[in-house]
Amino acid sequence: MSGLHMIYTTCADKEAALEIARTLVDEGLAACGNIMPGLTSVFRWQGKRSEEDEVALILKTSAGRLEAAMARVEELHAYDVPLVEAWPVAKVNQAFRDWVLAETS
């Protein structure tokens, strides 16, 4: 295992995703964030099927900062019930791993 994790969330728009990514990078909870527009989500909310345009945000962090980073994303998020999920990075190149660990130490 690499000791790194990716955190995935969806946001209403690019500005909301940028706010979360900038905050976590500035606070040392994530080394970087990738914002991917063009996402359409289909879901059930309050008894009705909904379809919304969203953006995906993927943050890179260390295992030691994972819980704090996830809590901060949830705190900053505008949704009533935001998705904040994480998965471990099984393999990654050494230089990138070292950079993420240095940025989140």
PDB file of N, CA and C in Angstrom:
ATOM      1  N   MET A   1       0.840  -1.177   0.000  1.00  0.00           N
ATOM      2  CA  MET A   1       0.000   0.000   0.000  1.00  0.00           C
ATOM      3  C   MET A   1       0.887   1.243   0.000  1.00  0.00           C
ATOM      4  N   SER A   2       0.416   2.287  -0.640  1.00  0.00           N
ATOM      5  CA  SER A   2       1.245   3.485  -0.826  1.00  0.00           C
ATOM      6  C   SER A   2       1.181   4.480   0.328  1.00  0.00           C
ATOM      7  N   GLY A   3       0.169   4.384   1.178  1.00  0.00           N
ATOM      8  CA  GLY A   3      -0.010   5.375   2.234  1.00  0.00           C
ATOM      9  C   GLY A   3      -0.769   6.600   1.773  1.00  0.00           C
ATOM     10  N   LEU A   4      -1.246   6.572   0.521  1.00  0.00           N
ATOM     11  CA  LEU A   4      -2.020   7.675  -0.032  1.00  0.00           C
ATOM     12  C   LEU A   4      -3.480   7.276  -0.188  1.00  0.00           C
ATOM     13  N   HIS A   5      -4.345   8.280  -0.200  1.00  0.00           N
ATOM     14  CA  HIS A   5      -5.767   8.065  -0.435  1.00  0.00           C
ATOM     15  C   HIS A   5      -6.283   9.120  -1.399  1.00  0.00           C
ATOM     16  N   MET A   6      -7.338   8.761  -2.108  1.00  0.00           N
ATOM     17  CA  MET A   6      -8.069   9.685  -2.954  1.00  0.00           C
ATOM     18  C   MET A   6      -9.424   9.902  -2.293  1.00  0.00           C
ATOM     19  N   ILE A   7      -9.855  11.143  -2.233  1.00  0.00           N
ATOM     20  CA  ILE A   7     -11.169  11.490  -1.716  1.00  0.00           C
ATOM     21  C   ILE A   7     -11.999  11.972  -2.892  1.00  0.00           C
ATOM     22  N   TYR A   8     -13.200  11.422  -3.013  1.00  0.00           N
ATOM     23  CA  TYR A   8     -14.095  11.769  -4.121  1.00  0.00           C
ATOM     24  C   TYR A   8     -15.347  12.427  -3.573  1.00  0.00           C
ATOM     25  N   THR A   9     -15.753  13.527  -4.198  1.00  0.00           N
ATOM     26  CA  THR A   9     -17.022  14.168  -3.886  1.00  0.00           C
ATOM     27  C   THR A   9     -17.554  14.800  -5.161  1.00  0.00           C
ATOM     28  N   THR A  10     -18.833  15.123  -5.150  1.00  0.00           N
ATOM     29  CA  THR A  10     -19.432  15.861  -6.250  1.00  0.00           C
ATOM     30  C   THR A  10     -19.914  17.197  -5.705  1.00  0.00           C
ATOM     31  N   CYS A  11     -19.867  18.215  -6.553  1.00  0.00           N
ATOM     32  CA  CYS A  11     -20.271  19.570  -6.163  1.00  0.00           C
ATOM     33  C   CYS A  11     -21.221  20.131  -7.208  1.00  0.00           C
ATOM     34  N   ALA A  12     -21.973  21.132  -6.814  1.00  0.00           N
ATOM     35  CA  ALA A  12     -22.958  21.730  -7.707  1.00  0.00           C
ATOM     36  C   ALA A  12     -22.318  22.431  -8.905  1.00  0.00           C
ATOM     37  N   ASP A  13     -21.136  23.004  -8.698  1.00  0.00           N
ATOM     38  CA  ASP A  13     -20.487  23.732  -9.784  1.00  0.00           C
ATOM     39  C   ASP A  13     -18.988  23.846  -9.517  1.00  0.00           C
ATOM     40  N   LYS A  14     -18.291  24.381 -10.501  1.00  0.00           N
ATOM     41  CA  LYS A  14     -16.832  24.503 -10.411  1.00  0.00           C
ATOM     42  C   LYS A  14     -16.417  25.386  -9.244  1.00  0.00           C
ATOM     43  N   GLU A  15     -17.138  26.471  -8.998  1.00  0.00           N
ATOM     44  CA  GLU A  15     -16.778  27.385  -7.928  1.00  0.00           C
ATOM     45  C   GLU A  15     -16.827  26.692  -6.570  1.00  0.00           C
ATOM     46  N   ALA A  16     -17.841  25.884  -6.342  1.00  0.00           N
ATOM     47  CA  ALA A  16     -17.954  25.153  -5.069  1.00  0.00           C
ATOM     48  C   ALA A  16     -16.805  24.162  -4.919  1.00  0.00           C
ATOM     49  N   ALA A  17     -16.467  23.468  -6.001  1.00  0.00           N
ATOM     50  CA  ALA A  17     -15.360  22.514  -5.963  1.00  0.00           C
ATOM     51  C   ALA A  17     -14.037  23.237  -5.733  1.00  0.00           C
ATOM     52  N   LEU A  18     -13.849  24.374  -6.386  1.00  0.00           N
ATOM     53  CA  LEU A  18     -12.628  25.154  -6.187  1.00  0.00           C
ATOM     54  C   LEU A  18     -12.484  25.617  -4.745  1.00  0.00           C
ATOM     55  N   GLU A  19     -13.571  26.039  -4.141  1.00  0.00           N
ATOM     56  CA  GLU A  19     -13.512  26.484  -2.748  1.00  0.00           C
ATOM     57  C   GLU A  19     -13.046  25.359  -1.832  1.00  0.00           C
ATOM     58  N   ILE A  20     -13.593  24.173  -2.026  1.00  0.00           N
ATOM     59  CA  ILE A  20     -13.193  23.025  -1.203  1.00  0.00           C
ATOM     60  C   ILE A  20     -11.736  22.666  -1.469  1.00  0.00           C
ATOM     61  N   ALA A  21     -11.362  22.562  -2.740  1.00  0.00           N
ATOM     62  CA  ALA A  21      -9.991  22.175  -3.087  1.00  0.00           C
ATOM     63  C   ALA A  21      -8.979  23.193  -2.564  1.00  0.00           C
ATOM     64  N   ARG A  22      -9.248  24.457  -2.776  1.00  0.00           N
ATOM     65  CA  ARG A  22      -8.317  25.493  -2.312  1.00  0.00           C
ATOM     66  C   ARG A  22      -8.148  25.455  -0.795  1.00  0.00           C
ATOM     67  N   THR A  23      -9.258  25.289  -0.087  1.00  0.00           N
ATOM     68  CA  THR A  23      -9.199  25.262   1.369  1.00  0.00           C
ATOM     69  C   THR A  23      -8.373  24.087   1.857  1.00  0.00           C
ATOM     70  N   LEU A  24      -8.614  22.899   1.319  1.00  0.00           N
ATOM     71  CA  LEU A  24      -7.878  21.724   1.783  1.00  0.00           C
ATOM     72  C   LEU A  24      -6.400  21.801   1.427  1.00  0.00           C
ATOM     73  N   VAL A  25      -6.072  22.332   0.257  1.00  0.00           N
ATOM     74  CA  VAL A  25      -4.662  22.495  -0.111  1.00  0.00           C
ATOM     75  C   VAL A  25      -4.014  23.538   0.802  1.00  0.00           C
ATOM     76  N   ASP A  26      -4.692  24.663   1.019  1.00  0.00           N
ATOM     77  CA  ASP A  26      -4.133  25.710   1.878  1.00  0.00           C
ATOM     78  C   ASP A  26      -3.924  25.223   3.311  1.00  0.00           C
ATOM     79  N   GLU A  27      -4.795  24.338   3.791  1.00  0.00           N
ATOM     80  CA  GLU A  27      -4.705  23.831   5.160  1.00  0.00           C
ATOM     81  C   GLU A  27      -3.801  22.606   5.288  1.00  0.00           C
ATOM     82  N   GLY A  28      -3.215  22.152   4.185  1.00  0.00           N
ATOM     83  CA  GLY A  28      -2.326  20.996   4.221  1.00  0.00           C
ATOM     84  C   GLY A  28      -3.043  19.666   4.394  1.00  0.00           C
ATOM     85  N   LEU A  29      -4.349  19.651   4.132  1.00  0.00           N
ATOM     86  CA  LEU A  29      -5.112  18.410   4.245  1.00  0.00           C
ATOM     87  C   LEU A  29      -5.113  17.611   2.946  1.00  0.00           C
ATOM     88  N   ALA A  30      -4.792  18.272   1.848  1.00  0.00           N
ATOM     89  CA  ALA A  30      -4.679  17.610   0.549  1.00  0.00           C
ATOM     90  C   ALA A  30      -3.519  18.246  -0.205  1.00  0.00           C
ATOM     91  N   ALA A  31      -2.857  17.432  -1.009  1.00  0.00           N
ATOM     92  CA  ALA A  31      -1.761  17.957  -1.822  1.00  0.00           C
ATOM     93  C   ALA A  31      -2.295  18.617  -3.082  1.00  0.00           C
ATOM     94  N   CYS A  32      -3.395  18.107  -3.605  1.00  0.00           N
ATOM     95  CA  CYS A  32      -3.985  18.680  -4.809  1.00  0.00           C
ATOM     96  C   CYS A  32      -5.415  18.194  -4.972  1.00  0.00           C
ATOM     97  N   GLY A  33      -6.116  18.857  -5.850  1.00  0.00           N
ATOM     98  CA  GLY A  33      -7.473  18.460  -6.191  1.00  0.00           C
ATOM     99  C   GLY A  33      -7.674  18.568  -7.683  1.00  0.00           C
ATOM    100  N   ASN A  34      -8.402  17.633  -8.244  1.00  0.00           N
ATOM    101  CA  ASN A  34      -8.741  17.654  -9.664  1.00  0.00           C
ATOM    102  C   ASN A  34     -10.245  17.864  -9.793  1.00  0.00           C
ATOM    103  N   ILE A  35     -10.620  18.862 -10.579  1.00  0.00           N
ATOM    104  CA  ILE A  35     -12.023  19.197 -10.787  1.00  0.00           C
ATOM    105  C   ILE A  35     -12.393  18.802 -12.206  1.00  0.00           C
ATOM    106  N   MET A  36     -13.418  17.980 -12.308  1.00  0.00           N
ATOM    107  CA  MET A  36     -13.834  17.455 -13.604  1.00  0.00           C
ATOM    108  C   MET A  36     -15.283  17.838 -13.876  1.00  0.00           C
ATOM    109  N   PRO A  37     -15.506  18.753 -14.826  1.00  0.00           N
ATOM    110  CA  PRO A  37     -16.862  19.172 -15.169  1.00  0.00           C
ATOM    111  C   PRO A  37     -17.554  18.142 -16.068  1.00  0.00           C
ATOM    112  N   GLY A  38     -18.808  18.405 -16.337  1.00  0.00           N
ATOM    113  CA  GLY A  38     -19.526  17.579 -17.303  1.00  0.00           C
ATOM    114  C   GLY A  38     -20.181  16.342 -16.722  1.00  0.00           C
ATOM    115  N   LEU A  39     -20.344  16.308 -15.421  1.00  0.00           N
ATOM    116  CA  LEU A  39     -20.945  15.151 -14.751  1.00  0.00           C
ATOM    117  C   LEU A  39     -22.447  15.364 -14.648  1.00  0.00           C
ATOM    118  N   THR A  40     -23.226  14.346 -14.997  1.00  0.00           N
ATOM    119  CA  THR A  40     -24.662  14.374 -14.759  1.00  0.00           C
ATOM    120  C   THR A  40     -24.979  13.281 -13.755  1.00  0.00           C
ATOM    121  N   SER A  41     -25.621  13.663 -12.668  1.00  0.00           N
ATOM    122  CA  SER A  41     -25.984  12.705 -11.623  1.00  0.00           C
ATOM    123  C   SER A  41     -27.484  12.462 -11.651  1.00  0.00           C
ATOM    124  N   VAL A  42     -27.862  11.193 -11.565  1.00  0.00           N
ATOM    125  CA  VAL A  42     -29.259  10.778 -11.477  1.00  0.00           C
ATOM    126  C   VAL A  42     -29.421  10.127 -10.116  1.00  0.00           C
ATOM    127  N   PHE A  43     -30.364  10.629  -9.324  1.00  0.00           N
ATOM    128  CA  PHE A  43     -30.504  10.135  -7.954  1.00  0.00           C
ATOM    129  C   PHE A  43     -31.928  10.363  -7.454  1.00  0.00           C
ATOM    130  N   ARG A  44     -32.258   9.704  -6.368  1.00  0.00           N
ATOM    131  CA  ARG A  44     -33.542   9.901  -5.718  1.00  0.00           C
ATOM    132  C   ARG A  44     -33.317  10.791  -4.501  1.00  0.00           C
ATOM    133  N   TRP A  45     -34.101  11.869  -4.410  1.00  0.00           N
ATOM    134  CA  TRP A  45     -33.993  12.799  -3.288  1.00  0.00           C
ATOM    135  C   TRP A  45     -35.398  13.223  -2.892  1.00  0.00           C
ATOM    136  N   GLN A  46     -35.709  13.032  -1.624  1.00  0.00           N
ATOM    137  CA  GLN A  46     -36.996  13.392  -1.051  1.00  0.00           C
ATOM    138  C   GLN A  46     -38.151  12.802  -1.854  1.00  0.00           C
ATOM    139  N   GLY A  47     -37.990  11.529  -2.203  1.00  0.00           N
ATOM    140  CA  GLY A  47     -39.048  10.777  -2.873  1.00  0.00           C
ATOM    141  C   GLY A  47     -39.176  10.990  -4.362  1.00  0.00           C
ATOM    142  N   LYS A  48     -38.315  11.799  -4.965  1.00  0.00           N
ATOM    143  CA  LYS A  48     -38.407  12.073  -6.395  1.00  0.00           C
ATOM    144  C   LYS A  48     -37.075  11.796  -7.071  1.00  0.00           C
ATOM    145  N   ARG A  49     -37.160  11.311  -8.301  1.00  0.00           N
ATOM    146  CA  ARG A  49     -35.934  11.155  -9.083  1.00  0.00           C
ATOM    147  C   ARG A  49     -35.488  12.529  -9.560  1.00  0.00           C
ATOM    148  N   SER A  50     -34.201  12.790  -9.413  1.00  0.00           N
ATOM    149  CA  SER A  50     -33.629  14.061  -9.843  1.00  0.00           C
ATOM    150  C   SER A  50     -32.471  13.809 -10.798  1.00  0.00           C
ATOM    151  N   GLU A  51     -32.222  14.767 -11.639  1.00  0.00           N
ATOM    152  CA  GLU A  51     -31.056  14.760 -12.519  1.00  0.00           C
ATOM    153  C   GLU A  51     -30.430  16.143 -12.437  1.00  0.00           C
ATOM    154  N   GLU A  52     -29.162  16.173 -12.093  1.00  0.00           N
ATOM    155  CA  GLU A  52     -28.469  17.450 -11.900  1.00  0.00           C
ATOM    156  C   GLU A  52     -27.102  17.435 -12.569  1.00  0.00           C
ATOM    157  N   ASP A  53     -26.724  18.559 -13.139  1.00  0.00           N
ATOM    158  CA  ASP A  53     -25.358  18.733 -13.611  1.00  0.00           C
ATOM    159  C   ASP A  53     -24.484  19.033 -12.400  1.00  0.00           C
ATOM    160  N   GLU A  54     -23.346  18.378 -12.328  1.00  0.00           N
ATOM    161  CA  GLU A  54     -22.412  18.555 -11.221  1.00  0.00           C
ATOM    162  C   GLU A  54     -20.993  18.524 -11.759  1.00  0.00           C
ATOM    163  N   VAL A  55     -20.048  18.740 -10.869  1.00  0.00           N
ATOM    164  CA  VAL A  55     -18.636  18.520 -11.174  1.00  0.00           C
ATOM    165  C   VAL A  55     -18.106  17.530 -10.144  1.00  0.00           C
ATOM    166  N   ALA A  56     -17.136  16.738 -10.552  1.00  0.00           N
ATOM    167  CA  ALA A  56     -16.478  15.800  -9.637  1.00  0.00           C
ATOM    168  C   ALA A  56     -15.206  16.444  -9.118  1.00  0.00           C
ATOM    169  N   LEU A  57     -14.913  16.181  -7.856  1.00  0.00           N
ATOM    170  CA  LEU A  57     -13.678  16.661  -7.235  1.00  0.00           C
ATOM    171  C   LEU A  57     -12.963  15.461  -6.631  1.00  0.00           C
ATOM    172  N   ILE A  58     -11.713  15.275  -7.026  1.00  0.00           N
ATOM    173  CA  ILE A  58     -10.875  14.226  -6.459  1.00  0.00           C
ATOM    174  C   ILE A  58      -9.686  14.889  -5.790  1.00  0.00           C
ATOM    175  N   LEU A  59      -9.514  14.602  -4.522  1.00  0.00           N
ATOM    176  CA  LEU A  59      -8.414  15.157  -3.724  1.00  0.00           C
ATOM    177  C   LEU A  59      -7.419  14.055  -3.397  1.00  0.00           C
ATOM    178  N   LYS A  60      -6.132  14.402  -3.370  1.00  0.00           N
ATOM    179  CA  LYS A  60      -5.084  13.448  -2.994  1.00  0.00           C
ATOM    180  C   LYS A  60      -4.567  13.809  -1.620  1.00  0.00           C
ATOM    181  N   THR A  61      -4.525  12.825  -0.723  1.00  0.00           N
ATOM    182  CA  THR A  61      -4.067  13.065   0.632  1.00  0.00           C
ATOM    183  C   THR A  61      -3.325  11.844   1.161  1.00  0.00           C
ATOM    184  N   SER A  62      -2.751  11.998   2.332  1.00  0.00           N
ATOM    185  CA  SER A  62      -2.035  10.903   2.990  1.00  0.00           C
ATOM    186  C   SER A  62      -2.966  10.186   3.950  1.00  0.00           C
ATOM    187  N   ALA A  63      -2.605   8.973   4.298  1.00  0.00           N
ATOM    188  CA  ALA A  63      -3.409   8.192   5.238  1.00  0.00           C
ATOM    189  C   ALA A  63      -3.548   8.919   6.568  1.00  0.00           C
ATOM    190  N   GLY A  64      -2.503   9.610   6.987  1.00  0.00           N
ATOM    191  CA  GLY A  64      -2.531  10.310   8.261  1.00  0.00           C
ATOM    192  C   GLY A  64      -3.441  11.525   8.292  1.00  0.00           C
ATOM    193  N   ARG A  65      -3.773  12.063   7.136  1.00  0.00           N
ATOM    194  CA  ARG A  65      -4.641  13.253   7.057  1.00  0.00           C
ATOM    195  C   ARG A  65      -6.041  12.918   6.537  1.00  0.00           C
ATOM    196  N   LEU A  66      -6.274  11.648   6.253  1.00  0.00           N
ATOM    197  CA  LEU A  66      -7.523  11.243   5.609  1.00  0.00           C
ATOM    198  C   LEU A  66      -8.765  11.630   6.404  1.00  0.00           C
ATOM    199  N   GLU A  67      -8.829  11.273   7.662  1.00  0.00           N
ATOM    200  CA  GLU A  67     -10.039  11.543   8.455  1.00  0.00           C
ATOM    201  C   GLU A  67     -10.296  13.035   8.577  1.00  0.00           C
ATOM    202  N   ALA A  68      -9.255  13.814   8.831  1.00  0.00           N
ATOM    203  CA  ALA A  68      -9.412  15.266   8.941  1.00  0.00           C
ATOM    204  C   ALA A  68      -9.844  15.870   7.609  1.00  0.00           C
ATOM    205  N   ALA A  69      -9.273  15.380   6.516  1.00  0.00           N
ATOM    206  CA  ALA A  69      -9.630  15.897   5.191  1.00  0.00           C
ATOM    207  C   ALA A  69     -11.084  15.582   4.855  1.00  0.00           C
ATOM    208  N   MET A  70     -11.519  14.365   5.139  1.00  0.00           N
ATOM    209  CA  MET A  70     -12.912  14.004   4.862  1.00  0.00           C
ATOM    210  C   MET A  70     -13.874  14.843   5.696  1.00  0.00           C
ATOM    211  N   ALA A  71     -13.541  15.043   6.954  1.00  0.00           N
ATOM    212  CA  ALA A  71     -14.396  15.852   7.827  1.00  0.00           C
ATOM    213  C   ALA A  71     -14.469  17.291   7.323  1.00  0.00           C
ATOM    214  N   ARG A  72     -13.360  17.812   6.837  1.00  0.00           N
ATOM    215  CA  ARG A  72     -13.328  19.192   6.352  1.00  0.00           C
ATOM    216  C   ARG A  72     -14.148  19.335   5.073  1.00  0.00           C
ATOM    217  N   VAL A  73     -14.061  18.355   4.182  1.00  0.00           N
ATOM    218  CA  VAL A  73     -14.883  18.396   2.966  1.00  0.00           C
ATOM    219  C   VAL A  73     -16.358  18.430   3.353  1.00  0.00           C
ATOM    220  N   GLU A  74     -16.743  17.571   4.266  1.00  0.00           N
ATOM    221  CA  GLU A  74     -18.145  17.527   4.690  1.00  0.00           C
ATOM    222  C   GLU A  74     -18.569  18.856   5.323  1.00  0.00           C
ATOM    223  N   GLU A  75     -17.690  19.443   6.102  1.00  0.00           N
ATOM    224  CA  GLU A  75     -17.977  20.731   6.752  1.00  0.00           C
ATOM    225  C   GLU A  75     -18.161  21.856   5.736  1.00  0.00           C
ATOM    226  N   LEU A  76     -17.341  21.866   4.694  1.00  0.00           N
ATOM    227  CA  LEU A  76     -17.380  22.930   3.687  1.00  0.00           C
ATOM    228  C   LEU A  76     -18.479  22.738   2.645  1.00  0.00           C
ATOM    229  N   HIS A  77     -18.956  21.534   2.505  1.00  0.00           N
ATOM    230  CA  HIS A  77     -19.870  21.185   1.423  1.00  0.00           C
ATOM    231  C   HIS A  77     -21.235  21.834   1.607  1.00  0.00           C
ATOM    232  N   ALA A  78     -21.829  22.269   0.506  1.00  0.00           N
ATOM    233  CA  ALA A  78     -23.134  22.942   0.548  1.00  0.00           C
ATOM    234  C   ALA A  78     -24.310  21.964   0.578  1.00  0.00           C
ATOM    235  N   TYR A  79     -24.092  20.716   0.179  1.00  0.00           N
ATOM    236  CA  TYR A  79     -25.200  19.756   0.124  1.00  0.00           C
ATOM    237  C   TYR A  79     -25.631  19.331   1.523  1.00  0.00           C
ATOM    238  N   ASP A  80     -26.918  19.024   1.685  1.00  0.00           N
ATOM    239  CA  ASP A  80     -27.427  18.494   2.953  1.00  0.00           C
ATOM    240  C   ASP A  80     -26.801  17.138   3.265  1.00  0.00           C
ATOM    241  N   VAL A  81     -26.657  16.311   2.241  1.00  0.00           N
ATOM    242  CA  VAL A  81     -26.080  14.963   2.393  1.00  0.00           C
ATOM    243  C   VAL A  81     -25.013  14.788   1.310  1.00  0.00           C
ATOM    244  N   PRO A  82     -23.822  15.339   1.548  1.00  0.00           N
ATOM    245  CA  PRO A  82     -22.784  15.220   0.521  1.00  0.00           C
ATOM    246  C   PRO A  82     -22.166  13.827   0.480  1.00  0.00           C
ATOM    247  N   LEU A  83     -21.766  13.432  -0.696  1.00  0.00           N
ATOM    248  CA  LEU A  83     -20.959  12.224  -0.856  1.00  0.00           C
ATOM    249  C   LEU A  83     -19.521  12.614  -0.549  1.00  0.00           C
ATOM    250  N   VAL A  84     -18.911  11.921   0.400  1.00  0.00           N
ATOM    251  CA  VAL A  84     -17.485  12.098   0.683  1.00  0.00           C
ATOM    252  C   VAL A  84     -16.945  10.691   0.890  1.00  0.00           C
ATOM    253  N   GLU A  85     -16.347  10.142  -0.158  1.00  0.00           N
ATOM    254  CA  GLU A  85     -15.826   8.780  -0.053  1.00  0.00           C
ATOM    255  C   GLU A  85     -14.345   8.768  -0.351  1.00  0.00           C
ATOM    256  N   ALA A  86     -13.669   7.761   0.156  1.00  0.00           N
ATOM    257  CA  ALA A  86     -12.220   7.665  -0.051  1.00  0.00           C
ATOM    258  C   ALA A  86     -11.850   6.227  -0.358  1.00  0.00           C
ATOM    259  N   TRP A  87     -10.771   6.102  -1.070  1.00  0.00           N
ATOM    260  CA  TRP A  87     -10.213   4.781  -1.315  1.00  0.00           C
ATOM    261  C   TRP A  87      -8.697   4.867  -1.289  1.00  0.00           C
ATOM    262  N   PRO A  88      -8.064   3.772  -0.846  1.00  0.00           N
ATOM    263  CA  PRO A  88      -6.599   3.777  -0.795  1.00  0.00           C
ATOM    264  C   PRO A  88      -6.008   3.645  -2.201  1.00  0.00           C
ATOM    265  N   VAL A  89      -4.865   4.261  -2.381  1.00  0.00           N
ATOM    266  CA  VAL A  89      -4.130   4.145  -3.634  1.00  0.00           C
ATOM    267  C   VAL A  89      -3.227   2.925  -3.499  1.00  0.00           C
ATOM    268  N   ALA A  90      -3.466   1.913  -4.321  1.00  0.00           N
ATOM    269  CA  ALA A  90      -2.702   0.670  -4.225  1.00  0.00           C
ATOM    270  C   ALA A  90      -1.260   0.862  -4.685  1.00  0.00           C
ATOM    271  N   LYS A  91      -1.084   1.578  -5.775  1.00  0.00           N
ATOM    272  CA  LYS A  91       0.257   1.815  -6.313  1.00  0.00           C
ATOM    273  C   LYS A  91       0.325   3.209  -6.894  1.00  0.00           C
ATOM    274  N   VAL A  92       1.496   3.819  -6.762  1.00  0.00           N
ATOM    275  CA  VAL A  92       1.729   5.149  -7.316  1.00  0.00           C
ATOM    276  C   VAL A  92       3.234   5.319  -7.490  1.00  0.00           C
ATOM    277  N   ASN A  93       3.622   6.163  -8.436  1.00  0.00           N
ATOM    278  CA  ASN A  93       5.053   6.376  -8.613  1.00  0.00           C
ATOM    279  C   ASN A  93       5.633   7.085  -7.387  1.00  0.00           C
ATOM    280  N   GLN A  94       6.881   6.767  -7.074  1.00  0.00           N
ATOM    281  CA  GLN A  94       7.535   7.217  -5.845  1.00  0.00           C
ATOM    282  C   GLN A  94       7.608   8.735  -5.727  1.00  0.00           C
ATOM    283  N   ALA A  95       7.928   9.419  -6.808  1.00  0.00           N
ATOM    284  CA  ALA A  95       8.065  10.874  -6.741  1.00  0.00           C
ATOM    285  C   ALA A  95       6.738  11.542  -6.368  1.00  0.00           C
ATOM    286  N   PHE A  96       5.643  11.074  -6.942  1.00  0.00           N
ATOM    287  CA  PHE A  96       4.336  11.644  -6.617  1.00  0.00           C
ATOM    288  C   PHE A  96       3.966  11.325  -5.175  1.00  0.00           C
ATOM    289  N   ARG A  97       4.206  10.087  -4.749  1.00  0.00           N
ATOM    290  CA  ARG A  97       3.937   9.685  -3.368  1.00  0.00           C
ATOM    291  C   ARG A  97       4.693  10.585  -2.393  1.00  0.00           C
ATOM    292  N   ASP A  98       5.967  10.773  -2.655  1.00  0.00           N
ATOM    293  CA  ASP A  98       6.787  11.611  -1.762  1.00  0.00           C
ATOM    294  C   ASP A  98       6.267  13.044  -1.702  1.00  0.00           C
ATOM    295  N   TRP A  99       5.834  13.575  -2.851  1.00  0.00           N
ATOM    296  CA  TRP A  99       5.306  14.924  -2.894  1.00  0.00           C
ATOM    297  C   TRP A  99       4.017  15.056  -2.075  1.00  0.00           C
ATOM    298  N   VAL A 100       3.080  14.112  -2.262  1.00  0.00           N
ATOM    299  CA  VAL A 100       1.823  14.161  -1.493  1.00  0.00           C
ATOM    300  C   VAL A 100       2.115  14.064  -0.008  1.00  0.00           C
ATOM    301  N   LEU A 101       2.975  13.152   0.385  1.00  0.00           N
ATOM    302  CA  LEU A 101       3.310  13.005   1.815  1.00  0.00           C
ATOM    303  C   LEU A 101       3.940  14.282   2.370  1.00  0.00           C
ATOM    304  N   ALA A 102       4.812  14.910   1.582  1.00  0.00           N
ATOM    305  CA  ALA A 102       5.459  16.150   2.040  1.00  0.00           C
ATOM    306  C   ALA A 102       4.433  17.291   2.183  1.00  0.00           C
ATOM    307  N   GLU A 103       3.498  17.374   1.258  1.00  0.00           N
ATOM    308  CA  GLU A 103       2.517  18.443   1.273  1.00  0.00           C
ATOM    309  C   GLU A 103       1.452  18.269   2.364  1.00  0.00           C
ATOM    310  N   THR A 104       1.294  17.068   2.851  1.00  0.00           N
ATOM    311  CA  THR A 104       0.246  16.793   3.842  1.00  0.00           C
ATOM    312  C   THR A 104       0.811  16.403   5.208  1.00  0.00           C
ATOM    313  N   SER A 105       2.103  16.654   5.405  1.00  0.00           N
ATOM    314  CA  SER A 105       2.711  16.278   6.680  1.00  0.00           C
ATOM    315  C   SER A 105       2.521  17.359   7.724  1.00  0.00           C
TER     316      SER A 105
END
